[in-house]
Structures are given as C-alpha cells and as structure tokens.
Amino acid sequence: MDVIEIDAATGSVVERAFTPEEAAQRATDAAAVEAERAAAEAEAVERAAARRALLERLGISEDEAVLLREAGV
C-alpha cells in the first residue's frame, strides 16, 4: 500500500494504492526535488571554484583568508 488515510473523527484507517494522478504528481515532485538538489550542488561547486580563484588572485591561502576575516580586515 502506498497511501494510509486516517479519519481523525472516526479513527478509521484506509490503506490503498496511489491513484494514477497521485503517482504522477509524486514522480513530478520527486523530479523537482532532485533538480533543486542538483542546482544547489552546482552552485556550491561554482562558489568554491570562485573562492579558490579569488584566493589565488590575492595570493593567500584559505587559512590566511580566515585569519583576515577573524581580524576584521
């Protein structure tokens, strides 16, 4: 069974399979979540690459950047 419906007023429980419409919506929702996850991962990779490039242009290491940030520079 895919769906468990509980009627709070009566306490009755119905277990049933997804309807075709529910199954399609579930697949659409899962694809959207996966696309969002992939986009967030790609953005994180881009940010890391941009940070590394900036540090390289500045000629400092990650540790030095942390020290400067902590010093308020």
PDB file of N, CA and C in Angstrom:
ATOM      1  N   MET A   1       0.831  -1.184   0.000  1.00  0.00           N
ATOM      2  CA  MET A   1       0.000   0.000   0.000  1.00  0.00           C
ATOM      3  C   MET A   1       0.874   1.246   0.000  1.00  0.00           C
ATOM      4  N   ASP A   2       0.424   2.240  -0.715  1.00  0.00           N
ATOM      5  CA  ASP A   2       1.173   3.488  -0.826  1.00  0.00           C
ATOM      6  C   ASP A   2       0.622   4.585   0.066  1.00  0.00           C
ATOM      7  N   VAL A   3      -0.695   4.574   0.276  1.00  0.00           N
ATOM      8  CA  VAL A   3      -1.347   5.671   0.999  1.00  0.00           C
ATOM      9  C   VAL A   3      -2.088   5.097   2.209  1.00  0.00           C
ATOM     10  N   ILE A   4      -1.921   5.771   3.337  1.00  0.00           N
ATOM     11  CA  ILE A   4      -2.696   5.421   4.529  1.00  0.00           C
ATOM     12  C   ILE A   4      -3.509   6.665   4.895  1.00  0.00           C
ATOM     13  N   GLU A   5      -4.825   6.529   4.822  1.00  0.00           N
ATOM     14  CA  GLU A   5      -5.712   7.637   5.173  1.00  0.00           C
ATOM     15  C   GLU A   5      -6.318   7.357   6.537  1.00  0.00           C
ATOM     16  N   ILE A   6      -6.213   8.334   7.435  1.00  0.00           N
ATOM     17  CA  ILE A   6      -6.766   8.179   8.782  1.00  0.00           C
ATOM     18  C   ILE A   6      -7.805   9.264   9.000  1.00  0.00           C
ATOM     19  N   ASP A   7      -9.007   8.860   9.344  1.00  0.00           N
ATOM     20  CA  ASP A   7     -10.083   9.804   9.670  1.00  0.00           C
ATOM     21  C   ASP A   7      -9.997  10.082  11.162  1.00  0.00           C
ATOM     22  N   ALA A   8      -9.577  11.298  11.520  1.00  0.00           N
ATOM     23  CA  ALA A   8      -9.386  11.644  12.927  1.00  0.00           C
ATOM     24  C   ALA A   8     -10.693  11.599  13.713  1.00  0.00           C
ATOM     25  N   ALA A   9     -11.804  11.903  13.065  1.00  0.00           N
ATOM     26  CA  ALA A   9     -13.081  11.930  13.765  1.00  0.00           C
ATOM     27  C   ALA A   9     -13.558  10.522  14.126  1.00  0.00           C
ATOM     28  N   THR A  10     -13.368   9.592  13.190  1.00  0.00           N
ATOM     29  CA  THR A  10     -13.885   8.240  13.426  1.00  0.00           C
ATOM     30  C   THR A  10     -12.800   7.245  13.818  1.00  0.00           C
ATOM     31  N   GLY A  11     -11.544   7.598  13.518  1.00  0.00           N
ATOM     32  CA  GLY A  11     -10.453   6.675  13.801  1.00  0.00           C
ATOM     33  C   GLY A  11     -10.308   5.580  12.761  1.00  0.00           C
ATOM     34  N   SER A  12     -11.076   5.658  11.688  1.00  0.00           N
ATOM     35  CA  SER A  12     -10.966   4.623  10.660  1.00  0.00           C
ATOM     36  C   SER A  12      -9.695   4.829   9.843  1.00  0.00           C
ATOM     37  N   VAL A  13      -9.112   3.709   9.447  1.00  0.00           N
ATOM     38  CA  VAL A  13      -7.874   3.724   8.678  1.00  0.00           C
ATOM     39  C   VAL A  13      -8.123   3.005   7.366  1.00  0.00           C
ATOM     40  N   VAL A  14      -7.726   3.657   6.262  1.00  0.00           N
ATOM     41  CA  VAL A  14      -7.861   3.057   4.937  1.00  0.00           C
ATOM     42  C   VAL A  14      -6.477   3.023   4.304  1.00  0.00           C
ATOM     43  N   GLU A  15      -6.062   1.837   3.893  1.00  0.00           N
ATOM     44  CA  GLU A  15      -4.812   1.685   3.170  1.00  0.00           C
ATOM     45  C   GLU A  15      -5.143   1.397   1.723  1.00  0.00           C
ATOM     46  N   ARG A  16      -4.484   2.162   0.808  1.00  0.00           N
ATOM     47  CA  ARG A  16      -4.778   1.990  -0.612  1.00  0.00           C
ATOM     48  C   ARG A  16      -3.561   2.350  -1.446  1.00  0.00           C
ATOM     49  N   ALA A  17      -3.620   1.968  -2.711  1.00  0.00           N
ATOM     50  CA  ALA A  17      -2.557   2.317  -3.650  1.00  0.00           C
ATOM     51  C   ALA A  17      -2.778   3.743  -4.150  1.00  0.00           C
ATOM     52  N   PHE A  18      -1.700   4.368  -4.634  1.00  0.00           N
ATOM     53  CA  PHE A  18      -1.832   5.690  -5.242  1.00  0.00           C
ATOM     54  C   PHE A  18      -2.744   5.603  -6.458  1.00  0.00           C
ATOM     55  N   THR A  19      -3.505   6.652  -6.680  1.00  0.00           N
ATOM     56  CA  THR A  19      -4.240   6.757  -7.938  1.00  0.00           C
ATOM     57  C   THR A  19      -3.219   7.120  -9.012  1.00  0.00           C
ATOM     58  N   PRO A  20      -3.559   6.953 -10.288  1.00  0.00           N
ATOM     59  CA  PRO A  20      -2.619   7.351 -11.349  1.00  0.00           C
ATOM     60  C   PRO A  20      -2.219   8.833 -11.243  1.00  0.00           C
ATOM     61  N   GLU A  21      -3.168   9.671 -10.867  1.00  0.00           N
ATOM     62  CA  GLU A  21      -2.878  11.099 -10.721  1.00  0.00           C
ATOM     63  C   GLU A  21      -1.910  11.351  -9.565  1.00  0.00           C
ATOM     64  N   GLU A  22      -2.116  10.661  -8.451  1.00  0.00           N
ATOM     65  CA  GLU A  22      -1.226  10.812  -7.297  1.00  0.00           C
ATOM     66  C   GLU A  22       0.169  10.292  -7.622  1.00  0.00           C
ATOM     67  N   ALA A  23       0.245   9.184  -8.329  1.00  0.00           N
ATOM     68  CA  ALA A  23       1.538   8.619  -8.709  1.00  0.00           C
ATOM     69  C   ALA A  23       2.287   9.572  -9.634  1.00  0.00           C
ATOM     70  N   ALA A  24       1.570  10.181 -10.581  1.00  0.00           N
ATOM     71  CA  ALA A  24       2.193  11.137 -11.493  1.00  0.00           C
ATOM     72  C   ALA A  24       2.685  12.369 -10.729  1.00  0.00           C
ATOM     73  N   GLN A  25       1.884  12.858  -9.796  1.00  0.00           N
ATOM     74  CA  GLN A  25       2.288  14.023  -9.009  1.00  0.00           C
ATOM     75  C   GLN A  25       3.503  13.692  -8.149  1.00  0.00           C
ATOM     76  N   ARG A  26       3.517  12.496  -7.595  1.00  0.00           N
ATOM     77  CA  ARG A  26       4.662  12.080  -6.767  1.00  0.00           C
ATOM     78  C   ARG A  26       5.937  12.046  -7.610  1.00  0.00           C
ATOM     79  N   ALA A  27       5.853  11.527  -8.827  1.00  0.00           N
ATOM     80  CA  ALA A  27       7.006  11.479  -9.719  1.00  0.00           C
ATOM     81  C   ALA A  27       7.455  12.893 -10.096  1.00  0.00           C
ATOM     82  N   THR A  28       6.494  13.775 -10.362  1.00  0.00           N
ATOM     83  CA  THR A  28       6.818  15.166 -10.693  1.00  0.00           C
ATOM     84  C   THR A  28       7.502  15.847  -9.517  1.00  0.00           C
ATOM     85  N   ASP A  29       6.974  15.646  -8.318  1.00  0.00           N
ATOM     86  CA  ASP A  29       7.559  16.246  -7.115  1.00  0.00           C
ATOM     87  C   ASP A  29       8.976  15.718  -6.869  1.00  0.00           C
ATOM     88  N   ALA A  30       9.172  14.427  -7.054  1.00  0.00           N
ATOM     89  CA  ALA A  30      10.495  13.832  -6.845  1.00  0.00           C
ATOM     90  C   ALA A  30      11.498  14.393  -7.847  1.00  0.00           C
ATOM     91  N   ALA A  31      11.084  14.582  -9.087  1.00  0.00           N
ATOM     92  CA  ALA A  31      11.966  15.146 -10.113  1.00  0.00           C
ATOM     93  C   ALA A  31      12.320  16.593  -9.771  1.00  0.00           C
ATOM     94  N   ALA A  32      11.358  17.348  -9.254  1.00  0.00           N
ATOM     95  CA  ALA A  32      11.612  18.743  -8.882  1.00  0.00           C
ATOM     96  C   ALA A  32      12.595  18.818  -7.721  1.00  0.00           C
ATOM     97  N   VAL A  33      12.438  17.955  -6.745  1.00  0.00           N
ATOM     98  CA  VAL A  33      13.356  17.931  -5.600  1.00  0.00           C
ATOM     99  C   VAL A  33      14.760  17.573  -6.071  1.00  0.00           C
ATOM    100  N   GLU A  34      14.885  16.609  -6.947  1.00  0.00           N
ATOM    101  CA  GLU A  34      16.193  16.202  -7.461  1.00  0.00           C
ATOM    102  C   GLU A  34      16.822  17.347  -8.265  1.00  0.00           C
ATOM    103  N   ALA A  35      16.038  18.057  -9.057  1.00  0.00           N
ATOM    104  CA  ALA A  35      16.557  19.186  -9.834  1.00  0.00           C
ATOM    105  C   ALA A  35      17.049  20.292  -8.905  1.00  0.00           C
ATOM    106  N   GLU A  36      16.302  20.574  -7.837  1.00  0.00           N
ATOM    107  CA  GLU A  36      16.722  21.583  -6.864  1.00  0.00           C
ATOM    108  C   GLU A  36      18.017  21.165  -6.174  1.00  0.00           C
ATOM    109  N   ARG A  37      18.146  19.891  -5.818  1.00  0.00           N
ATOM    110  CA  ARG A  37      19.349  19.388  -5.177  1.00  0.00           C
ATOM    111  C   ARG A  37      20.555  19.521  -6.106  1.00  0.00           C
ATOM    112  N   ALA A  38      20.363  19.161  -7.364  1.00  0.00           N
ATOM    113  CA  ALA A  38      21.447  19.247  -8.338  1.00  0.00           C
ATOM    114  C   ALA A  38      21.856  20.702  -8.567  1.00  0.00           C
ATOM    115  N   ALA A  39      20.884  21.609  -8.619  1.00  0.00           N
ATOM    116  CA  ALA A  39      21.184  23.029  -8.808  1.00  0.00           C
ATOM    117  C   ALA A  39      21.940  23.582  -7.606  1.00  0.00           C
ATOM    118  N   ALA A  40      21.540  23.199  -6.405  1.00  0.00           N
ATOM    119  CA  ALA A  40      22.225  23.671  -5.201  1.00  0.00           C
ATOM    120  C   ALA A  40      23.652  23.131  -5.162  1.00  0.00           C
ATOM    121  N   GLU A  41      23.835  21.891  -5.556  1.00  0.00           N
ATOM    122  CA  GLU A  41      25.176  21.304  -5.577  1.00  0.00           C
ATOM    123  C   GLU A  41      26.053  22.017  -6.602  1.00  0.00           C
ATOM    124  N   ALA A  42      25.504  22.298  -7.783  1.00  0.00           N
ATOM    125  CA  ALA A  42      26.255  23.003  -8.818  1.00  0.00           C
ATOM    126  C   ALA A  42      26.641  24.398  -8.353  1.00  0.00           C
ATOM    127  N   GLU A  43      25.723  25.075  -7.653  1.00  0.00           N
ATOM    128  CA  GLU A  43      26.010  26.402  -7.134  1.00  0.00           C
ATOM    129  C   GLU A  43      27.128  26.352  -6.092  1.00  0.00           C
ATOM    130  N   ALA A  44      27.119  25.353  -5.239  1.00  0.00           N
ATOM    131  CA  ALA A  44      28.159  25.204  -4.226  1.00  0.00           C
ATOM    132  C   ALA A  44      29.518  24.967  -4.882  1.00  0.00           C
ATOM    133  N   VAL A  45      29.540  24.175  -5.938  1.00  0.00           N
ATOM    134  CA  VAL A  45      30.785  23.914  -6.657  1.00  0.00           C
ATOM    135  C   VAL A  45      31.289  25.205  -7.300  1.00  0.00           C
ATOM    136  N   GLU A  46      30.374  25.982  -7.895  1.00  0.00           N
ATOM    137  CA  GLU A  46      30.738  27.264  -8.506  1.00  0.00           C
ATOM    138  C   GLU A  46      31.308  28.224  -7.476  1.00  0.00           C
ATOM    139  N   ARG A  47      30.651  28.315  -6.336  1.00  0.00           N
ATOM    140  CA  ARG A  47      31.126  29.220  -5.281  1.00  0.00           C
ATOM    141  C   ARG A  47      32.516  28.815  -4.790  1.00  0.00           C
ATOM    142  N   ALA A  48      32.736  27.525  -4.615  1.00  0.00           N
ATOM    143  CA  ALA A  48      34.039  27.049  -4.156  1.00  0.00           C
ATOM    144  C   ALA A  48      35.115  27.380  -5.185  1.00  0.00           C
ATOM    145  N   ALA A  49      34.813  27.191  -6.459  1.00  0.00           N
ATOM    146  CA  ALA A  49      35.782  27.498  -7.514  1.00  0.00           C
ATOM    147  C   ALA A  49      36.068  28.998  -7.558  1.00  0.00           C
ATOM    148  N   ALA A  50      35.026  29.815  -7.397  1.00  0.00           N
ATOM    149  CA  ALA A  50      35.212  31.268  -7.396  1.00  0.00           C
ATOM    150  C   ALA A  50      36.054  31.696  -6.199  1.00  0.00           C
ATOM    151  N   ARG A  51      35.819  31.070  -5.057  1.00  0.00           N
ATOM    152  CA  ARG A  51      36.599  31.397  -3.856  1.00  0.00           C
ATOM    153  C   ARG A  51      38.063  31.022  -4.049  1.00  0.00           C
ATOM    154  N   ARG A  52      38.297  29.822  -4.592  1.00  0.00           N
ATOM    155  CA  ARG A  52      39.682  29.410  -4.843  1.00  0.00           C
ATOM    156  C   ARG A  52      40.363  30.363  -5.820  1.00  0.00           C
ATOM    157  N   ALA A  53      39.650  30.781  -6.865  1.00  0.00           N
ATOM    158  CA  ALA A  53      40.220  31.699  -7.846  1.00  0.00           C
ATOM    159  C   ALA A  53      40.542  33.048  -7.207  1.00  0.00           C
ATOM    160  N   LEU A  54      39.659  33.533  -6.352  1.00  0.00           N
ATOM    161  CA  LEU A  54      39.899  34.806  -5.678  1.00  0.00           C
ATOM    162  C   LEU A  54      41.117  34.710  -4.768  1.00  0.00           C
ATOM    163  N   LEU A  55      41.195  33.654  -3.988  1.00  0.00           N
ATOM    164  CA  LEU A  55      42.341  33.483  -3.097  1.00  0.00           C
ATOM    165  C   LEU A  55      43.639  33.393  -3.899  1.00  0.00           C
ATOM    166  N   GLU A  56      43.578  32.719  -5.029  1.00  0.00           N
ATOM    167  CA  GLU A  56      44.764  32.610  -5.877  1.00  0.00           C
ATOM    168  C   GLU A  56      45.167  33.980  -6.418  1.00  0.00           C
ATOM    169  N   ARG A  57      44.183  34.780  -6.869  1.00  0.00           N
ATOM    170  CA  ARG A  57      44.486  36.135  -7.357  1.00  0.00           C
ATOM    171  C   ARG A  57      45.085  36.995  -6.257  1.00  0.00           C
ATOM    172  N   LEU A  58      44.581  36.821  -5.029  1.00  0.00           N
ATOM    173  CA  LEU A  58      45.096  37.595  -3.902  1.00  0.00           C
ATOM    174  C   LEU A  58      46.429  37.057  -3.401  1.00  0.00           C
ATOM    175  N   GLY A  59      46.745  35.834  -3.780  1.00  0.00           N
ATOM    176  CA  GLY A  59      47.997  35.222  -3.359  1.00  0.00           C
ATOM    177  C   GLY A  59      48.000  34.804  -1.899  1.00  0.00           C
ATOM    178  N   ILE A  60      46.820  34.406  -1.386  1.00  0.00           N
ATOM    179  CA  ILE A  60      46.733  33.969   0.013  1.00  0.00           C
ATOM    180  C   ILE A  60      46.079  32.601   0.084  1.00  0.00           C
ATOM    181  N   SER A  61      46.315  31.937   1.206  1.00  0.00           N
ATOM    182  CA  SER A  61      45.729  30.614   1.415  1.00  0.00           C
ATOM    183  C   SER A  61      44.363  30.763   2.093  1.00  0.00           C
ATOM    184  N   GLU A  62      43.656  29.657   2.168  1.00  0.00           N
ATOM    185  CA  GLU A  62      42.369  29.628   2.870  1.00  0.00           C
ATOM    186  C   GLU A  62      42.562  29.995   4.332  1.00  0.00           C
ATOM    187  N   ASP A  63      43.615  29.469   4.950  1.00  0.00           N
ATOM    188  CA  ASP A  63      43.893  29.777   6.359  1.00  0.00           C
ATOM    189  C   ASP A  63      44.154  31.263   6.561  1.00  0.00           C
ATOM    190  N   GLU A  64      44.893  31.858   5.643  1.00  0.00           N
ATOM    191  CA  GLU A  64      45.168  33.297   5.742  1.00  0.00           C
ATOM    192  C   GLU A  64      43.889  34.110   5.575  1.00  0.00           C
ATOM    193  N   ALA A  65      43.020  33.671   4.687  1.00  0.00           N
ATOM    194  CA  ALA A  65      41.743  34.363   4.498  1.00  0.00           C
ATOM    195  C   ALA A  65      40.907  34.301   5.772  1.00  0.00           C
ATOM    196  N   VAL A  66      40.919  33.156   6.433  1.00  0.00           N
ATOM    197  CA  VAL A  66      40.181  33.001   7.692  1.00  0.00           C
ATOM    198  C   VAL A  66      40.747  33.949   8.740  1.00  0.00           C
ATOM    199  N   LEU A  67      42.072  34.015   8.830  1.00  0.00           N
ATOM    200  CA  LEU A  67      42.701  34.923   9.797  1.00  0.00           C
ATOM    201  C   LEU A  67      42.329  36.379   9.519  1.00  0.00           C
ATOM    202  N   LEU A  68      42.327  36.758   8.249  1.00  0.00           N
ATOM    203  CA  LEU A  68      41.947  38.138   7.904  1.00  0.00           C
ATOM    204  C   LEU A  68      40.482  38.412   8.265  1.00  0.00           C
ATOM    205  N   ARG A  69      39.625  37.449   7.996  1.00  0.00           N
ATOM    206  CA  ARG A  69      38.200  37.604   8.325  1.00  0.00           C
ATOM    207  C   ARG A  69      38.027  37.749   9.835  1.00  0.00           C
ATOM    208  N   GLU A  70      38.726  36.918  10.591  1.00  0.00           N
ATOM    209  CA  GLU A  70      38.627  36.973  12.058  1.00  0.00           C
ATOM    210  C   GLU A  70      39.175  38.278  12.611  1.00  0.00           C
ATOM    211  N   ALA A  71      40.163  38.843  11.915  1.00  0.00           N
ATOM    212  CA  ALA A  71      40.768  40.095  12.360  1.00  0.00           C
ATOM    213  C   ALA A  71      39.923  41.301  11.948  1.00  0.00           C
ATOM    214  N   GLY A  72      38.899  41.034  11.138  1.00  0.00           N
ATOM    215  CA  GLY A  72      38.013  42.124  10.714  1.00  0.00           C
ATOM    216  C   GLY A  72      38.595  42.956   9.589  1.00  0.00           C
ATOM    217  N   VAL A  73      39.536  42.390   8.848  1.00  0.00           N
ATOM    218  CA  VAL A  73      40.178  43.108   7.751  1.00  0.00           C
ATOM    219  C   VAL A  73      39.361  42.943   6.503  1.00  0.00           C
TER     220      VAL A  73
END
